[in-house]
Amino acid sequence: MNYPEHSHKGKVSFFVAKGSFTMKYPEHKVVVESGMWHDVPVGVPHSGSTGPEGAVSIVGEEFDEN
């Protein structure tokens, strides 16, 4: 599954419980594999894609109510 480029106004963190996920940033990419945690930088454009076996992840995102 592919996720188009976007950014977040608040903190976003995710834990990959199974499979893998690749985060693509303008200058680099980060492969997050099973058992790993990743913090997405606030306001930084990124896209992503699941690995060949898919991914099961837990995501936490900070929202501003305003």
C-alpha atoms as a PDB file:
ATOM      1  CA  MET A   1       0.000   0.000   0.000  1.00  0.00           C
ATOM      2  CA  ASN A   2       1.300   3.466  -0.857  1.00  0.00           C
ATOM      3  CA  TYR A   3       0.640   6.683   1.036  1.00  0.00           C
ATOM      4  CA  PRO A   4       0.939   9.956  -0.921  1.00  0.00           C
ATOM      5  CA  GLU A   5       3.186  12.808   0.198  1.00  0.00           C
ATOM      6  CA  HIS A   6       1.822  14.805   3.121  1.00  0.00           C
ATOM      7  CA  SER A   7       2.949  16.352   6.433  1.00  0.00           C
ATOM      8  CA  HIS A   8       1.614  16.563   9.986  1.00  0.00           C
ATOM      9  CA  LYS A   9       1.011  19.563  12.264  1.00  0.00           C
ATOM     10  CA  GLY A  10       1.546  17.464  15.412  1.00  0.00           C
ATOM     11  CA  LYS A  11       3.733  14.617  16.580  1.00  0.00           C
ATOM     12  CA  VAL A  12       3.274  11.223  14.919  1.00  0.00           C
ATOM     13  CA  SER A  13       4.942   8.016  16.054  1.00  0.00           C
ATOM     14  CA  PHE A  14       4.414   4.456  14.952  1.00  0.00           C
ATOM     15  CA  PHE A  15       5.487   0.969  15.928  1.00  0.00           C
ATOM     16  CA  VAL A  16       5.636  -1.806  13.335  1.00  0.00           C
ATOM     17  CA  ALA A  17       4.408  -5.029  14.927  1.00  0.00           C
ATOM     18  CA  LYS A  18       4.688  -7.155  11.780  1.00  0.00           C
ATOM     19  CA  GLY A  19       6.143  -6.639   8.303  1.00  0.00           C
ATOM     20  CA  SER A  20       7.873  -3.406   7.286  1.00  0.00           C
ATOM     21  CA  PHE A  21       7.208   0.142   6.184  1.00  0.00           C
ATOM     22  CA  THR A  22       9.396   2.581   4.229  1.00  0.00           C
ATOM     23  CA  MET A  23       9.145   6.304   5.007  1.00  0.00           C
ATOM     24  CA  LYS A  24      10.383   8.507   2.153  1.00  0.00           C
ATOM     25  CA  TYR A  25      11.562  11.998   3.039  1.00  0.00           C
ATOM     26  CA  PRO A  26      12.903  14.633   0.611  1.00  0.00           C
ATOM     27  CA  GLU A  27      16.547  13.844   1.445  1.00  0.00           C
ATOM     28  CA  HIS A  28      16.458  10.226   2.650  1.00  0.00           C
ATOM     29  CA  LYS A  29      14.342   7.184   3.439  1.00  0.00           C
ATOM     30  CA  VAL A  30      13.859   5.127   6.596  1.00  0.00           C
ATOM     31  CA  VAL A  31      12.931   1.430   6.575  1.00  0.00           C
ATOM     32  CA  VAL A  32      11.001   0.552   9.738  1.00  0.00           C
ATOM     33  CA  GLU A  33      10.933  -3.207  10.301  1.00  0.00           C
ATOM     34  CA  SER A  34       9.031  -5.432  12.699  1.00  0.00           C
ATOM     35  CA  GLY A  35       9.794  -4.476  16.310  1.00  0.00           C
ATOM     36  CA  MET A  36      10.988  -0.948  15.418  1.00  0.00           C
ATOM     37  CA  TRP A  37       9.553   2.466  16.373  1.00  0.00           C
ATOM     38  CA  HIS A  38       9.721   5.624  14.231  1.00  0.00           C
ATOM     39  CA  ASP A  39       8.956   9.278  15.041  1.00  0.00           C
ATOM     40  CA  VAL A  40       7.829  11.337  12.039  1.00  0.00           C
ATOM     41  CA  PRO A  41       9.263  14.885  12.091  1.00  0.00           C
ATOM     42  CA  VAL A  42       6.551  17.545  12.509  1.00  0.00           C
ATOM     43  CA  GLY A  43       5.888  19.527   9.332  1.00  0.00           C
ATOM     44  CA  VAL A  44       8.272  17.533   7.122  1.00  0.00           C
ATOM     45  CA  PRO A  45       6.770  16.278   3.837  1.00  0.00           C
ATOM     46  CA  HIS A  46       6.932  12.502   3.490  1.00  0.00           C
ATOM     47  CA  SER A  47       5.324   9.565   1.739  1.00  0.00           C
ATOM     48  CA  GLY A  48       5.385   5.899   2.584  1.00  0.00           C
ATOM     49  CA  SER A  49       4.806   2.360   1.452  1.00  0.00           C
ATOM     50  CA  THR A  50       4.377  -1.007   3.096  1.00  0.00           C
ATOM     51  CA  GLY A  51       6.898  -3.743   2.447  1.00  0.00           C
ATOM     52  CA  PRO A  52       6.250  -6.769   0.225  1.00  0.00           C
ATOM     53  CA  GLU A  53       4.577  -8.670   3.076  1.00  0.00           C
ATOM     54  CA  GLY A  54       2.510  -5.659   4.194  1.00  0.00           C
ATOM     55  CA  ALA A  55       2.654  -4.124   7.658  1.00  0.00           C
ATOM     56  CA  VAL A  56       0.753  -4.153  10.924  1.00  0.00           C
ATOM     57  CA  SER A  57       1.434  -0.998  12.910  1.00  0.00           C
ATOM     58  CA  ILE A  58       0.262   1.017  15.888  1.00  0.00           C
ATOM     59  CA  VAL A  59       0.130   4.763  15.222  1.00  0.00           C
ATOM     60  CA  GLY A  60      -0.112   7.621  17.703  1.00  0.00           C
ATOM     61  CA  GLU A  61      -0.846  11.122  16.429  1.00  0.00           C
ATOM     62  CA  GLU A  62      -1.116  14.419  18.314  1.00  0.00           C
ATOM     63  CA  PHE A  63      -4.048  16.596  17.199  1.00  0.00           C
ATOM     64  CA  ASP A  64      -4.619  20.277  17.899  1.00  0.00           C
ATOM     65  CA  GLU A  65      -8.261  20.919  18.663  1.00  0.00           C
ATOM     66  CA  ASN A  66      -8.087  24.454  17.185  1.00  0.00           C
END
